[in-house]
Amino acid sequence: MVVLLGLLGVAFGSMPVYAATASGRSDPLDVDKRGSFVLGDFVRSWFYWFIRPIEAVALAVGASPTAFNLLGVAFGGAAGVLFATGRLNLGGWAVLLGGAADVLDGRIARARGLAGPRGAFLDSTLDRFAEVGAFVGLAVYFQASTLGLVAVATALGGSLLVSYARARGESVGIVCKVGVMQRAERLLLVGFGGILDPVVTASAGWASGTLLMALIVLVAAGTVGTAVYRTVWIAGRLD
């Protein structure tokens, strides 16, 4: 756990390096397909810069975007197993690594000129499989708590509704990227919730899972609110 937290510190410690050497440079692979990011363009651009060595290796060995799609699903399933067995720290890392794989598949597809309808369909659909895997594990972990189960079920349902509202809107010609609780925000809250929960709860004398549950409640409220907002937003632009 100390090693993983150290790696997290190195990642965030690289932000000043990025700000001094690469911030503001154009990124031809960043097409901003997912809408605004609640932490801002700087953090998103820094993350793309931070994972560029992995991206370069993947391109050098000819890795396919689908391989990263499937890797994201595998990390989602692993997160579910780890959460269900009480290993919240590792479960949180699996969630974040799944998110990184999700970012890499799109960037590699664009870099290799493979972006298209098939890849877009697989990307969005397999993302849902990954989310379901992680949330099922969380439901198992919180099974003794009525509040926990309701929060997890609401967060999962809200997450699927956010994606469904966008997909259904696009099917009738309305592109909708509005809302603050999109996939990136959900991954960060659940991932860091799992990583930090053991440290925070032990230091504060709280029951294990307290911090993670609070963040899942936030995800539940945010996803339902975003889904409702998208529904109203799209409906208002239709006849």
C-alpha atoms as a PDB file:
ATOM      1  CA  MET A   1       0.000   0.000   0.000  1.00  0.00           C
ATOM      2  CA  VAL A   2       2.853   2.377   0.825  1.00  0.00           C
ATOM      3  CA  VAL A   3       4.403   1.671  -2.574  1.00  0.00           C
ATOM      4  CA  LEU A   4       1.134   2.375  -4.385  1.00  0.00           C
ATOM      5  CA  LEU A   5       0.624   5.618  -2.488  1.00  0.00           C
ATOM      6  CA  GLY A   6       4.204   6.521  -3.351  1.00  0.00           C
ATOM      7  CA  LEU A   7       3.457   5.988  -7.030  1.00  0.00           C
ATOM      8  CA  LEU A   8       0.433   8.221  -6.651  1.00  0.00           C
ATOM      9  CA  GLY A   9       2.664  10.875  -5.113  1.00  0.00           C
ATOM     10  CA  VAL A  10       5.097  10.629  -8.032  1.00  0.00           C
ATOM     11  CA  ALA A  11       2.221  11.033 -10.480  1.00  0.00           C
ATOM     12  CA  PHE A  12       0.944  14.205  -8.842  1.00  0.00           C
ATOM     13  CA  GLY A  13       4.491  15.410  -8.279  1.00  0.00           C
ATOM     14  CA  SER A  14       4.987  15.384 -12.050  1.00  0.00           C
ATOM     15  CA  MET A  15       2.387  18.120 -12.503  1.00  0.00           C
ATOM     16  CA  PRO A  16       4.899  20.978 -12.017  1.00  0.00           C
ATOM     17  CA  VAL A  17       7.179  19.313 -14.580  1.00  0.00           C
ATOM     18  CA  TYR A  18       4.320  19.173 -17.059  1.00  0.00           C
ATOM     19  CA  ALA A  19       3.353  22.778 -16.324  1.00  0.00           C
ATOM     20  CA  ALA A  20       6.925  23.947 -16.942  1.00  0.00           C
ATOM     21  CA  THR A  21       7.734  21.885 -20.024  1.00  0.00           C
ATOM     22  CA  ALA A  22       4.616  20.799 -21.878  1.00  0.00           C
ATOM     23  CA  SER A  23       1.556  22.738 -20.732  1.00  0.00           C
ATOM     24  CA  GLY A  24      -0.220  24.515 -23.554  1.00  0.00           C
ATOM     25  CA  ARG A  25       1.156  22.353 -26.346  1.00  0.00           C
ATOM     26  CA  SER A  26      -1.389  21.062 -28.819  1.00  0.00           C
ATOM     27  CA  ASP A  27      -2.328  17.390 -28.599  1.00  0.00           C
ATOM     28  CA  PRO A  28      -3.627  16.048 -31.933  1.00  0.00           C
ATOM     29  CA  LEU A  29      -5.108  12.989 -30.222  1.00  0.00           C
ATOM     30  CA  ASP A  30      -7.228  15.014 -27.796  1.00  0.00           C
ATOM     31  CA  VAL A  31     -10.514  15.497 -29.621  1.00  0.00           C
ATOM     32  CA  ASP A  32     -12.524  16.251 -26.450  1.00  0.00           C
ATOM     33  CA  LYS A  33     -15.203  13.681 -27.299  1.00  0.00           C
ATOM     34  CA  ARG A  34     -16.311  13.248 -23.692  1.00  0.00           C
ATOM     35  CA  GLY A  35     -17.260  16.805 -22.887  1.00  0.00           C
ATOM     36  CA  SER A  36     -15.935  19.030 -20.139  1.00  0.00           C
ATOM     37  CA  PHE A  37     -13.937  17.605 -17.236  1.00  0.00           C
ATOM     38  CA  VAL A  38     -14.832  18.891 -13.799  1.00  0.00           C
ATOM     39  CA  LEU A  39     -11.156  19.261 -12.757  1.00  0.00           C
ATOM     40  CA  GLY A  40     -10.360  21.331 -15.829  1.00  0.00           C
ATOM     41  CA  ASP A  41      -8.410  21.024 -19.048  1.00  0.00           C
ATOM     42  CA  PHE A  42      -5.035  21.264 -17.286  1.00  0.00           C
ATOM     43  CA  VAL A  43      -5.529  18.031 -15.314  1.00  0.00           C
ATOM     44  CA  ARG A  44      -6.886  16.189 -18.337  1.00  0.00           C
ATOM     45  CA  SER A  45      -3.979  17.342 -20.546  1.00  0.00           C
ATOM     46  CA  TRP A  46      -1.480  16.471 -17.807  1.00  0.00           C
ATOM     47  CA  PHE A  47      -2.892  12.956 -17.574  1.00  0.00           C
ATOM     48  CA  TYR A  48      -2.610  12.465 -21.346  1.00  0.00           C
ATOM     49  CA  TRP A  49       1.020  13.637 -21.081  1.00  0.00           C
ATOM     50  CA  PHE A  50       1.701  11.382 -18.083  1.00  0.00           C
ATOM     51  CA  ILE A  51       0.523   8.193 -19.851  1.00  0.00           C
ATOM     52  CA  ARG A  52       2.272   9.050 -23.133  1.00  0.00           C
ATOM     53  CA  PRO A  53       5.172   6.607 -22.497  1.00  0.00           C
ATOM     54  CA  ILE A  54       2.647   3.754 -22.188  1.00  0.00           C
ATOM     55  CA  GLU A  55       0.926   5.010 -25.308  1.00  0.00           C
ATOM     56  CA  ALA A  56       4.233   5.085 -27.194  1.00  0.00           C
ATOM     57  CA  VAL A  57       5.083   1.504 -26.196  1.00  0.00           C
ATOM     58  CA  ALA A  58       1.604   0.306 -27.187  1.00  0.00           C
ATOM     59  CA  LEU A  59       1.955   1.927 -30.597  1.00  0.00           C
ATOM     60  CA  ALA A  60       5.460   0.506 -31.044  1.00  0.00           C
ATOM     61  CA  VAL A  61       4.330  -3.068 -30.415  1.00  0.00           C
ATOM     62  CA  GLY A  62       1.175  -2.650 -32.507  1.00  0.00           C
ATOM     63  CA  ALA A  63      -1.329  -3.110 -29.679  1.00  0.00           C
ATOM     64  CA  SER A  64      -4.924  -2.804 -30.837  1.00  0.00           C
ATOM     65  CA  PRO A  65      -7.474  -0.422 -29.307  1.00  0.00           C
ATOM     66  CA  THR A  66      -9.745  -3.406 -28.633  1.00  0.00           C
ATOM     67  CA  ALA A  67      -7.060  -4.913 -26.419  1.00  0.00           C
ATOM     68  CA  PHE A  68      -7.293  -1.869 -24.173  1.00  0.00           C
ATOM     69  CA  ASN A  69     -11.107  -2.040 -24.269  1.00  0.00           C
ATOM     70  CA  LEU A  70     -10.903  -5.593 -22.969  1.00  0.00           C
ATOM     71  CA  LEU A  71      -8.221  -4.639 -20.451  1.00  0.00           C
ATOM     72  CA  GLY A  72     -10.606  -2.013 -19.083  1.00  0.00           C
ATOM     73  CA  VAL A  73     -13.289  -4.673 -18.642  1.00  0.00           C
ATOM     74  CA  ALA A  74     -10.774  -6.952 -16.927  1.00  0.00           C
ATOM     75  CA  PHE A  75      -9.812  -4.183 -14.492  1.00  0.00           C
ATOM     76  CA  GLY A  76     -13.504  -3.501 -13.830  1.00  0.00           C
ATOM     77  CA  GLY A  77     -14.098  -7.156 -13.024  1.00  0.00           C
ATOM     78  CA  ALA A  78     -10.967  -7.274 -10.869  1.00  0.00           C
ATOM     79  CA  ALA A  79     -12.145  -4.164  -9.008  1.00  0.00           C
ATOM     80  CA  GLY A  80     -15.429  -5.908  -8.285  1.00  0.00           C
ATOM     81  CA  VAL A  81     -13.678  -8.968  -6.865  1.00  0.00           C
ATOM     82  CA  LEU A  82     -11.305  -6.844  -4.793  1.00  0.00           C
ATOM     83  CA  PHE A  83     -14.104  -4.660  -3.410  1.00  0.00           C
ATOM     84  CA  ALA A  84     -16.237  -7.716  -2.625  1.00  0.00           C
ATOM     85  CA  THR A  85     -13.394  -9.264  -0.632  1.00  0.00           C
ATOM     86  CA  GLY A  86     -12.706  -6.073   1.311  1.00  0.00           C
ATOM     87  CA  ARG A  87      -9.475  -5.051  -0.422  1.00  0.00           C
ATOM     88  CA  LEU A  88     -10.633  -1.504  -1.001  1.00  0.00           C
ATOM     89  CA  ASN A  89      -7.197  -0.065  -1.710  1.00  0.00           C
ATOM     90  CA  LEU A  90      -6.462  -2.502  -4.543  1.00  0.00           C
ATOM     91  CA  GLY A  91     -10.025  -2.202  -5.800  1.00  0.00           C
ATOM     92  CA  GLY A  92      -9.578   1.552  -6.098  1.00  0.00           C
ATOM     93  CA  TRP A  93      -6.370   1.075  -8.048  1.00  0.00           C
ATOM     94  CA  ALA A  94      -8.106  -1.370 -10.385  1.00  0.00           C
ATOM     95  CA  VAL A  95     -10.808   1.227 -11.065  1.00  0.00           C
ATOM     96  CA  LEU A  96      -8.226   3.905 -11.909  1.00  0.00           C
ATOM     97  CA  LEU A  97      -6.207   1.548 -14.106  1.00  0.00           C
ATOM     98  CA  GLY A  98      -9.384   0.598 -15.930  1.00  0.00           C
ATOM     99  CA  GLY A  99      -9.991   4.287 -16.564  1.00  0.00           C
ATOM    100  CA  ALA A 100      -6.461   4.669 -17.932  1.00  0.00           C
ATOM    101  CA  ALA A 101      -7.036   1.728 -20.279  1.00  0.00           C
ATOM    102  CA  ASP A 102     -10.267   3.391 -21.416  1.00  0.00           C
ATOM    103  CA  VAL A 103      -8.373   6.582 -22.299  1.00  0.00           C
ATOM    104  CA  LEU A 104      -5.605   4.684 -24.101  1.00  0.00           C
ATOM    105  CA  ASP A 105      -7.934   2.743 -26.376  1.00  0.00           C
ATOM    106  CA  GLY A 106      -9.312   5.911 -27.930  1.00  0.00           C
ATOM    107  CA  ARG A 107      -5.941   7.602 -28.271  1.00  0.00           C
ATOM    108  CA  ILE A 108      -4.366   4.547 -29.883  1.00  0.00           C
ATOM    109  CA  ALA A 109      -7.309   4.185 -32.261  1.00  0.00           C
ATOM    110  CA  ARG A 110      -6.900   7.799 -33.391  1.00  0.00           C
ATOM    111  CA  ALA A 111      -3.106   7.534 -33.626  1.00  0.00           C
ATOM    112  CA  ARG A 112      -3.379   4.451 -35.861  1.00  0.00           C
ATOM    113  CA  GLY A 113      -6.272   5.803 -37.914  1.00  0.00           C
ATOM    114  CA  LEU A 114      -8.602   3.077 -36.662  1.00  0.00           C
ATOM    115  CA  ALA A 115     -11.278   5.254 -35.064  1.00  0.00           C
ATOM    116  CA  GLY A 116     -14.735   4.450 -36.395  1.00  0.00           C
ATOM    117  CA  PRO A 117     -18.281   3.339 -35.510  1.00  0.00           C
ATOM    118  CA  ARG A 118     -17.229  -0.180 -34.490  1.00  0.00           C
ATOM    119  CA  GLY A 119     -14.624   1.097 -32.054  1.00  0.00           C
ATOM    120  CA  ALA A 120     -16.968   3.730 -30.650  1.00  0.00           C
ATOM    121  CA  PHE A 121     -19.645   1.100 -30.058  1.00  0.00           C
ATOM    122  CA  LEU A 122     -17.252  -1.315 -28.355  1.00  0.00           C
ATOM    123  CA  ASP A 123     -15.733   1.459 -26.268  1.00  0.00           C
ATOM    124  CA  SER A 124     -19.006   2.732 -24.822  1.00  0.00           C
ATOM    125  CA  THR A 125     -20.544  -0.722 -24.384  1.00  0.00           C
ATOM    126  CA  LEU A 126     -17.539  -2.361 -22.743  1.00  0.00           C
ATOM    127  CA  ASP A 127     -17.224   0.627 -20.415  1.00  0.00           C
ATOM    128  CA  ARG A 128     -20.652  -0.286 -19.054  1.00  0.00           C
ATOM    129  CA  PHE A 129     -19.510  -3.880 -18.439  1.00  0.00           C
ATOM    130  CA  ALA A 130     -16.534  -2.549 -16.473  1.00  0.00           C
ATOM    131  CA  GLU A 131     -18.725  -0.250 -14.369  1.00  0.00           C
ATOM    132  CA  VAL A 132     -21.207  -3.017 -13.599  1.00  0.00           C
ATOM    133  CA  GLY A 133     -18.363  -5.284 -12.464  1.00  0.00           C
ATOM    134  CA  ALA A 134     -17.009  -2.708 -10.024  1.00  0.00           C
ATOM    135  CA  PHE A 135     -20.419  -1.747  -8.631  1.00  0.00           C
ATOM    136  CA  VAL A 136     -21.501  -5.363  -8.118  1.00  0.00           C
ATOM    137  CA  GLY A 137     -18.403  -5.851  -5.991  1.00  0.00           C
ATOM    138  CA  LEU A 138     -19.265  -2.733  -4.014  1.00  0.00           C
ATOM    139  CA  ALA A 139     -22.783  -4.061  -3.467  1.00  0.00           C
ATOM    140  CA  VAL A 140     -21.322  -7.247  -2.010  1.00  0.00           C
ATOM    141  CA  TYR A 141     -19.023  -5.262   0.266  1.00  0.00           C
ATOM    142  CA  PHE A 142     -21.853  -3.053   1.565  1.00  0.00           C
ATOM    143  CA  GLN A 143     -24.471  -5.826   1.696  1.00  0.00           C
ATOM    144  CA  ALA A 144     -24.914  -5.491   5.465  1.00  0.00           C
ATOM    145  CA  SER A 145     -25.801  -1.793   5.149  1.00  0.00           C
ATOM    146  CA  THR A 146     -29.155  -0.713   3.753  1.00  0.00           C
ATOM    147  CA  LEU A 147     -27.787   2.765   3.048  1.00  0.00           C
ATOM    148  CA  GLY A 148     -24.740   1.281   1.342  1.00  0.00           C
ATOM    149  CA  LEU A 149     -26.799  -1.006  -0.890  1.00  0.00           C
ATOM    150  CA  VAL A 150     -29.189   1.794  -1.854  1.00  0.00           C
ATOM    151  CA  ALA A 151     -26.268   4.127  -2.606  1.00  0.00           C
ATOM    152  CA  VAL A 152     -24.473   1.547  -4.753  1.00  0.00           C
ATOM    153  CA  ALA A 153     -27.636   0.575  -6.643  1.00  0.00           C
ATOM    154  CA  THR A 154     -28.500   4.234  -7.239  1.00  0.00           C
ATOM    155  CA  ALA A 155     -24.955   5.045  -8.333  1.00  0.00           C
ATOM    156  CA  LEU A 156     -24.937   2.139 -10.781  1.00  0.00           C
ATOM    157  CA  GLY A 157     -28.381   2.982 -12.138  1.00  0.00           C
ATOM    158  CA  GLY A 158     -27.505   6.653 -12.406  1.00  0.00           C
ATOM    159  CA  SER A 159     -24.233   5.878 -14.187  1.00  0.00           C
ATOM    160  CA  LEU A 160     -26.029   3.782 -16.777  1.00  0.00           C
ATOM    161  CA  LEU A 161     -28.724   6.452 -17.196  1.00  0.00           C
ATOM    162  CA  VAL A 162     -26.122   9.167 -17.812  1.00  0.00           C
ATOM    163  CA  SER A 163     -24.637   7.111 -20.641  1.00  0.00           C
ATOM    164  CA  TYR A 164     -28.044   6.032 -21.959  1.00  0.00           C
ATOM    165  CA  ALA A 165     -29.353   9.593 -22.107  1.00  0.00           C
ATOM    166  CA  ARG A 166     -26.380  10.652 -24.206  1.00  0.00           C
ATOM    167  CA  ALA A 167     -26.621   7.617 -26.493  1.00  0.00           C
ATOM    168  CA  ARG A 168     -30.370   8.028 -26.961  1.00  0.00           C
ATOM    169  CA  GLY A 169     -29.937  11.731 -27.630  1.00  0.00           C
ATOM    170  CA  GLU A 170     -27.336  11.048 -30.303  1.00  0.00           C
ATOM    171  CA  SER A 171     -29.676   8.520 -31.923  1.00  0.00           C
ATOM    172  CA  VAL A 172     -32.155  11.343 -32.558  1.00  0.00           C
ATOM    173  CA  GLY A 173     -29.505  13.812 -33.662  1.00  0.00           C
ATOM    174  CA  ILE A 174     -28.733  15.637 -30.391  1.00  0.00           C
ATOM    175  CA  VAL A 175     -25.145  15.497 -29.123  1.00  0.00           C
ATOM    176  CA  CYS A 176     -25.197  15.899 -25.344  1.00  0.00           C
ATOM    177  CA  LYS A 177     -22.023  16.220 -23.263  1.00  0.00           C
ATOM    178  CA  VAL A 178     -23.429  18.336 -20.432  1.00  0.00           C
ATOM    179  CA  GLY A 179     -23.376  17.363 -16.776  1.00  0.00           C
ATOM    180  CA  VAL A 180     -20.711  17.052 -14.096  1.00  0.00           C
ATOM    181  CA  MET A 181     -20.837  13.356 -13.181  1.00  0.00           C
ATOM    182  CA  GLN A 182     -19.523  11.745 -16.358  1.00  0.00           C
ATOM    183  CA  ARG A 183     -17.375   8.611 -16.475  1.00  0.00           C
ATOM    184  CA  ALA A 184     -14.094  10.339 -15.597  1.00  0.00           C
ATOM    185  CA  GLU A 185     -15.562  11.921 -12.471  1.00  0.00           C
ATOM    186  CA  ARG A 186     -17.146   8.629 -11.404  1.00  0.00           C
ATOM    187  CA  LEU A 187     -13.868   6.754 -11.853  1.00  0.00           C
ATOM    188  CA  LEU A 188     -11.950   9.304  -9.802  1.00  0.00           C
ATOM    189  CA  LEU A 189     -14.419   9.338  -6.917  1.00  0.00           C
ATOM    190  CA  VAL A 190     -14.736   5.553  -6.651  1.00  0.00           C
ATOM    191  CA  GLY A 191     -11.054   4.917  -7.377  1.00  0.00           C
ATOM    192  CA  PHE A 192      -9.632   7.423  -4.918  1.00  0.00           C
ATOM    193  CA  GLY A 193     -12.364   6.520  -2.446  1.00  0.00           C
ATOM    194  CA  GLY A 194     -11.124   2.945  -2.416  1.00  0.00           C
ATOM    195  CA  ILE A 195      -7.443   3.939  -2.288  1.00  0.00           C
ATOM    196  CA  LEU A 196      -7.773   6.479   0.515  1.00  0.00           C
ATOM    197  CA  ASP A 197     -10.489   4.824   2.622  1.00  0.00           C
ATOM    198  CA  PRO A 198      -8.189   2.494   4.618  1.00  0.00           C
ATOM    199  CA  VAL A 199      -5.837   5.365   5.528  1.00  0.00           C
ATOM    200  CA  VAL A 200      -8.529   7.933   6.316  1.00  0.00           C
ATOM    201  CA  THR A 201     -10.813   5.626   8.296  1.00  0.00           C
ATOM    202  CA  ALA A 202      -7.920   4.195  10.328  1.00  0.00           C
ATOM    203  CA  SER A 203      -6.649   7.679  11.158  1.00  0.00           C
ATOM    204  CA  ALA A 204     -10.107   8.995  12.071  1.00  0.00           C
ATOM    205  CA  GLY A 205     -11.233   5.879  13.941  1.00  0.00           C
ATOM    206  CA  TRP A 206     -14.164   5.325  11.566  1.00  0.00           C
ATOM    207  CA  ALA A 207     -15.538   2.022  10.370  1.00  0.00           C
ATOM    208  CA  SER A 208     -13.914   0.669   7.242  1.00  0.00           C
ATOM    209  CA  GLY A 209     -15.727   1.826   4.117  1.00  0.00           C
ATOM    210  CA  THR A 210     -17.064   5.070   5.621  1.00  0.00           C
ATOM    211  CA  LEU A 211     -15.209   7.384   3.236  1.00  0.00           C
ATOM    212  CA  LEU A 212     -15.927   5.175   0.230  1.00  0.00           C
ATOM    213  CA  MET A 213     -19.631   5.062   1.069  1.00  0.00           C
ATOM    214  CA  ALA A 214     -19.780   8.855   1.368  1.00  0.00           C
ATOM    215  CA  LEU A 215     -18.235   9.218  -2.081  1.00  0.00           C
ATOM    216  CA  ILE A 216     -20.591   6.624  -3.553  1.00  0.00           C
ATOM    217  CA  VAL A 217     -23.516   8.630  -2.158  1.00  0.00           C
ATOM    218  CA  LEU A 218     -22.032  11.626  -3.972  1.00  0.00           C
ATOM    219  CA  VAL A 219     -21.762   9.595  -7.181  1.00  0.00           C
ATOM    220  CA  ALA A 220     -25.370   8.439  -6.767  1.00  0.00           C
ATOM    221  CA  ALA A 221     -26.692  11.972  -6.322  1.00  0.00           C
ATOM    222  CA  GLY A 222     -24.499  13.349  -9.099  1.00  0.00           C
ATOM    223  CA  THR A 223     -25.340  10.691 -11.672  1.00  0.00           C
ATOM    224  CA  VAL A 224     -29.079  10.859 -11.093  1.00  0.00           C
ATOM    225  CA  GLY A 225     -28.939  14.650 -11.231  1.00  0.00           C
ATOM    226  CA  THR A 226     -26.881  14.564 -14.427  1.00  0.00           C
ATOM    227  CA  ALA A 227     -29.226  12.002 -16.009  1.00  0.00           C
ATOM    228  CA  VAL A 228     -32.269  14.154 -15.212  1.00  0.00           C
ATOM    229  CA  TYR A 229     -30.518  17.280 -16.494  1.00  0.00           C
ATOM    230  CA  ARG A 230     -29.526  15.557 -19.735  1.00  0.00           C
ATOM    231  CA  THR A 231     -33.064  14.269 -20.228  1.00  0.00           C
ATOM    232  CA  VAL A 232     -34.516  17.762 -19.858  1.00  0.00           C
ATOM    233  CA  TRP A 233     -31.722  19.304 -21.951  1.00  0.00           C
ATOM    234  CA  ILE A 234     -32.204  16.889 -24.852  1.00  0.00           C
ATOM    235  CA  ALA A 235     -36.012  17.002 -24.714  1.00  0.00           C
ATOM    236  CA  GLY A 236     -35.897  20.781 -24.874  1.00  0.00           C
ATOM    237  CA  ARG A 237     -34.033  20.606 -28.176  1.00  0.00           C
ATOM    238  CA  LEU A 238     -36.481  18.241 -29.837  1.00  0.00           C
ATOM    239  CA  ASP A 239     -39.793  19.117 -31.448  1.00  0.00           C
END
